[in-house]
Structure formats: C-alpha cells, structure tokens
C-alpha atoms as a PDB file:
ATOM      1  CA  MET A   1       9.583   7.591  30.301  1.00  0.00           C
ATOM      2  CA  ILE A   2      11.522   5.021  28.275  1.00  0.00           C
ATOM      3  CA  PHE A   3      10.075   1.537  28.537  1.00  0.00           C
ATOM      4  CA  PRO A   4      12.639  -1.238  29.175  1.00  0.00           C
ATOM      5  CA  THR A   5      11.986  -2.912  25.817  1.00  0.00           C
ATOM      6  CA  MET A   6      12.530   0.383  23.953  1.00  0.00           C
ATOM      7  CA  LEU A   7      15.707   1.029  25.933  1.00  0.00           C
ATOM      8  CA  GLN A   8      16.992  -2.421  24.965  1.00  0.00           C
ATOM      9  CA  ALA A   9      16.136  -1.769  21.309  1.00  0.00           C
ATOM     10  CA  SER A  10      18.019   1.532  21.376  1.00  0.00           C
ATOM     11  CA  ARG A  11      21.107  -0.285  22.663  1.00  0.00           C
ATOM     12  CA  ASN A  12      20.989  -2.634  19.667  1.00  0.00           C
ATOM     13  CA  ILE A  13      21.183   0.198  17.095  1.00  0.00           C
ATOM     14  CA  ALA A  14      24.555   1.003  15.530  1.00  0.00           C
ATOM     15  CA  GLN A  15      26.409   3.966  17.051  1.00  0.00           C
ATOM     16  CA  ASP A  16      26.336   6.036  13.852  1.00  0.00           C
ATOM     17  CA  PRO A  17      22.724   7.187  13.255  1.00  0.00           C
ATOM     18  CA  TYR A  18      23.599   7.927   9.614  1.00  0.00           C
ATOM     19  CA  ASP A  19      24.993   4.451   8.890  1.00  0.00           C
ATOM     20  CA  SER A  20      22.867   3.294   5.950  1.00  0.00           C
ATOM     21  CA  THR A  21      23.749  -0.379   6.589  1.00  0.00           C
ATOM     22  CA  ARG A  22      22.311  -0.489  10.092  1.00  0.00           C
ATOM     23  CA  THR A  23      19.105  -2.280  10.888  1.00  0.00           C
ATOM     24  CA  SER A  24      17.039  -1.851  13.979  1.00  0.00           C
ATOM     25  CA  ARG A  25      14.206  -3.750  15.503  1.00  0.00           C
ATOM     26  CA  ILE A  26      11.931  -2.274  18.113  1.00  0.00           C
ATOM     27  CA  ARG A  27       9.942  -4.629  20.293  1.00  0.00           C
ATOM     28  CA  VAL A  28       6.491  -3.350  21.197  1.00  0.00           C
ATOM     29  CA  GLY A  29       4.902  -5.444  23.911  1.00  0.00           C
ATOM     30  CA  SER A  30       5.453  -9.190  23.964  1.00  0.00           C
ATOM     31  CA  PHE A  31       4.605 -10.089  20.369  1.00  0.00           C
ATOM     32  CA  VAL A  32       5.059  -7.133  18.018  1.00  0.00           C
ATOM     33  CA  VAL A  33       8.456  -6.272  16.555  1.00  0.00           C
ATOM     34  CA  ILE A  34       8.785  -3.248  14.278  1.00  0.00           C
ATOM     35  CA  GLN A  35      11.445  -4.358  11.854  1.00  0.00           C
ATOM     36  CA  ASN A  36      11.726  -1.662   9.217  1.00  0.00           C
ATOM     37  CA  LEU A  37      10.004   1.154   7.367  1.00  0.00           C
ATOM     38  CA  HIS A  38       7.924  -0.359   4.555  1.00  0.00           C
ATOM     39  CA  HIS A  39       6.943   2.642   2.424  1.00  0.00           C
ATOM     40  CA  VAL A  40       6.447   6.371   2.187  1.00  0.00           C
ATOM     41  CA  SER A  41       3.528   7.864   0.249  1.00  0.00           C
ATOM     42  CA  ILE A  42       3.717  11.197  -1.544  1.00  0.00           C
ATOM     43  CA  ALA A  43       0.686  13.023  -2.928  1.00  0.00           C
ATOM     44  CA  VAL A  44       1.196  14.420  -6.428  1.00  0.00           C
ATOM     45  CA  ARG A  45      -1.091  16.585  -8.552  1.00  0.00           C
ATOM     46  CA  ASP A  46      -0.414  14.759 -11.838  1.00  0.00           C
ATOM     47  CA  LEU A  47       0.916  11.191 -11.669  1.00  0.00           C
ATOM     48  CA  GLN A  48       1.908  11.103 -15.354  1.00  0.00           C
ATOM     49  CA  LYS A  49       4.092  14.207 -14.866  1.00  0.00           C
ATOM     50  CA  ALA A  50       5.619  12.947 -11.590  1.00  0.00           C
ATOM     51  CA  LYS A  51       6.461   9.384 -12.660  1.00  0.00           C
ATOM     52  CA  PRO A  52       9.284  10.219 -15.109  1.00  0.00           C
ATOM     53  CA  PHE A  53      11.258  11.994 -12.362  1.00  0.00           C
ATOM     54  CA  TYR A  54      11.177   8.959 -10.080  1.00  0.00           C
ATOM     55  CA  ALA A  55      11.423   6.313 -12.840  1.00  0.00           C
ATOM     56  CA  GLU A  56      13.910   7.965 -15.191  1.00  0.00           C
ATOM     57  CA  VAL A  57      15.856  10.698 -13.406  1.00  0.00           C
ATOM     58  CA  LEU A  58      16.484   8.915 -10.087  1.00  0.00           C
ATOM     59  CA  PRO A  59      15.815   6.002 -11.467  1.00  0.00           C
ATOM     60  CA  PHE A  60      13.652   3.975  -9.080  1.00  0.00           C
ATOM     61  CA  GLN A  61      12.157   0.738 -10.346  1.00  0.00           C
ATOM     62  CA  GLU A  62       8.392   0.828 -10.714  1.00  0.00           C
ATOM     63  CA  ILE A  63       6.821  -2.259  -9.149  1.00  0.00           C
ATOM     64  CA  GLU A  64       3.438  -3.953  -9.378  1.00  0.00           C
ATOM     65  CA  ARG A  65       0.728  -2.863  -6.981  1.00  0.00           C
ATOM     66  CA  PRO A  66      -2.661  -4.174  -5.933  1.00  0.00           C
ATOM     67  CA  PRO A  67      -5.588  -3.032  -8.106  1.00  0.00           C
ATOM     68  CA  PHE A  68      -6.659  -0.073  -5.977  1.00  0.00           C
ATOM     69  CA  ASP A  69      -9.309   2.326  -7.245  1.00  0.00           C
ATOM     70  CA  SER A  70      -6.924   5.266  -6.853  1.00  0.00           C
ATOM     71  CA  ASN A  71      -4.385   6.412  -9.429  1.00  0.00           C
ATOM     72  CA  VAL A  72      -1.045   5.424  -7.863  1.00  0.00           C
ATOM     73  CA  ALA A  73       2.437   4.224  -8.783  1.00  0.00           C
ATOM     74  CA  TRP A  74       4.756   2.208  -6.545  1.00  0.00           C
ATOM     75  CA  PHE A  75       8.544   2.260  -6.736  1.00  0.00           C
ATOM     76  CA  SER A  76      11.175   0.096  -5.104  1.00  0.00           C
ATOM     77  CA  ILE A  77      13.937   1.843  -3.148  1.00  0.00           C
ATOM     78  CA  GLY A  78      16.122  -0.960  -1.811  1.00  0.00           C
ATOM     79  CA  ASP A  79      14.035  -2.775   0.803  1.00  0.00           C
ATOM     80  CA  GLN A  80      11.543   0.090   1.041  1.00  0.00           C
ATOM     81  CA  GLN A  81       8.941   1.507  -1.295  1.00  0.00           C
ATOM     82  CA  LEU A  82       7.804   4.908  -2.473  1.00  0.00           C
ATOM     83  CA  HIS A  83       4.113   5.269  -3.346  1.00  0.00           C
ATOM     84  CA  LEU A  84       2.999   8.202  -5.494  1.00  0.00           C
ATOM     85  CA  ILE A  85      -0.683   8.934  -5.068  1.00  0.00           C
ATOM     86  CA  GLU A  86      -2.431  11.245  -7.515  1.00  0.00           C
ATOM     87  CA  CYS A  87      -4.449  13.756  -5.541  1.00  0.00           C
ATOM     88  CA  PRO A  88      -5.121  16.841  -7.703  1.00  0.00           C
ATOM     89  CA  ASP A  89      -7.083  18.705  -5.032  1.00  0.00           C
ATOM     90  CA  GLY A  90      -5.329  17.419  -1.911  1.00  0.00           C
ATOM     91  CA  GLU A  91      -4.836  19.810   0.990  1.00  0.00           C
ATOM     92  CA  ILE A  92      -1.269  18.694   1.684  1.00  0.00           C
ATOM     93  CA  LEU A  93       0.065  19.729  -1.717  1.00  0.00           C
ATOM     94  CA  ARG A  94       2.396  22.738  -1.805  1.00  0.00           C
ATOM     95  CA  THR A  95       1.374  26.014  -3.356  1.00  0.00           C
ATOM     96  CA  GLY A  96       4.090  28.214  -1.835  1.00  0.00           C
ATOM     97  CA  PRO A  97       7.885  28.024  -1.493  1.00  0.00           C
ATOM     98  CA  ILE A  98       9.669  25.024   0.015  1.00  0.00           C
ATOM     99  CA  HIS A  99      10.169  25.095   3.775  1.00  0.00           C
ATOM    100  CA  THR A 100      12.654  22.680   5.385  1.00  0.00           C
ATOM    101  CA  GLY A 101      10.245  21.982   8.256  1.00  0.00           C
ATOM    102  CA  ASP A 102       7.625  20.528   5.914  1.00  0.00           C
ATOM    103  CA  GLU A 103       7.195  16.880   4.976  1.00  0.00           C
ATOM    104  CA  HIS A 104       9.895  15.535   2.708  1.00  0.00           C
ATOM    105  CA  LEU A 105      11.652  12.411   1.444  1.00  0.00           C
ATOM    106  CA  ALA A 106      15.390  12.186   2.086  1.00  0.00           C
ATOM    107  CA  ILE A 107      17.652   9.930   0.033  1.00  0.00           C
ATOM    108  CA  TRP A 108      21.152   8.946   1.158  1.00  0.00           C
ATOM    109  CA  VAL A 109      23.754   9.482  -1.620  1.00  0.00           C
ATOM    110  CA  THR A 110      27.465   8.782  -1.689  1.00  0.00           C
ATOM    111  CA  SER A 111      28.434  12.226  -3.001  1.00  0.00           C
ATOM    112  CA  TYR A 112      26.434  15.420  -2.544  1.00  0.00           C
ATOM    113  CA  HIS A 113      28.505  17.250  -5.183  1.00  0.00           C
ATOM    114  CA  ASP A 114      28.170  14.499  -7.807  1.00  0.00           C
ATOM    115  CA  THR A 115      24.429  14.329  -7.141  1.00  0.00           C
ATOM    116  CA  ILE A 116      23.987  18.074  -7.690  1.00  0.00           C
ATOM    117  CA  VAL A 117      25.911  17.882 -10.987  1.00  0.00           C
ATOM    118  CA  TRP A 118      23.866  14.856 -12.090  1.00  0.00           C
ATOM    119  CA  LEU A 119      20.540  16.534 -11.217  1.00  0.00           C
ATOM    120  CA  GLU A 120      21.537  19.714 -13.077  1.00  0.00           C
ATOM    121  CA  GLN A 121      22.506  17.626 -16.148  1.00  0.00           C
ATOM    122  CA  ALA A 122      19.097  15.925 -15.938  1.00  0.00           C
ATOM    123  CA  GLY A 123      17.408  19.356 -15.998  1.00  0.00           C
ATOM    124  CA  VAL A 124      16.203  19.283 -12.375  1.00  0.00           C
ATOM    125  CA  PRO A 125      16.273  22.815 -10.932  1.00  0.00           C
END
C-alpha cells in the first residue's frame, strides 16, 4: 500500500531516476521530511591503507569529525559524506570475490571510459 504522502512525494521527483541534479523530499507523517542522504559508512580493515584511495585517487576531501573513540575518517562527496570506519575483525568485510549483489558505493561519473583509463593510470586494478 502506498500512503498518500509517499505518493505525492513520488510525483515530485524528476522523471529521470538517474538525473544527478534532482532532489527529492519524502514527507513521513505530519512533521518529518526526509530531505537527502547524509552519509554512507564503509568498514575497512586498515584505515591508513584505505584513506589514500579516497583522498588521493578519487580525490574526496577529508573533513573534520567529532572526537569519537573509533578510528574513522570522514570525506565530503558533494552534499553527502563517506565515513570510513576501521574494523579489522568486522563480519561484513569481504574475504572472497566481489559479488554485484553485495553492499557497495556507486559514484556517478560523466564518462565511464575516461574513468576506467584514469583508474588504470592511478594503478587501481
């Protein structure tokens, strides 16, 4: 069942679901409006090894974070954030081959071909 407020929100979204300029707001109840995705967190085994890929190869801007007890790094990606969380023994970390149905982070690029060339030049397999 689609609630009337969700139906109205879906009508306000741009026709092209891949339009990176679109914004959507979803009203939940009378007072709550979900405006945007704030951040995505990724568990990494070794933060010091992971950071150069995101900070130098991509390059996302590392931003300040609150003084949490955990070993983390935050990056700005436009209006959203990427949080890397060091978790050497985490259960969600991959030990086998990549599977497209698993969790992932997708980044919109203007040219797939140019991105592949750039990644290869940066030494990313």
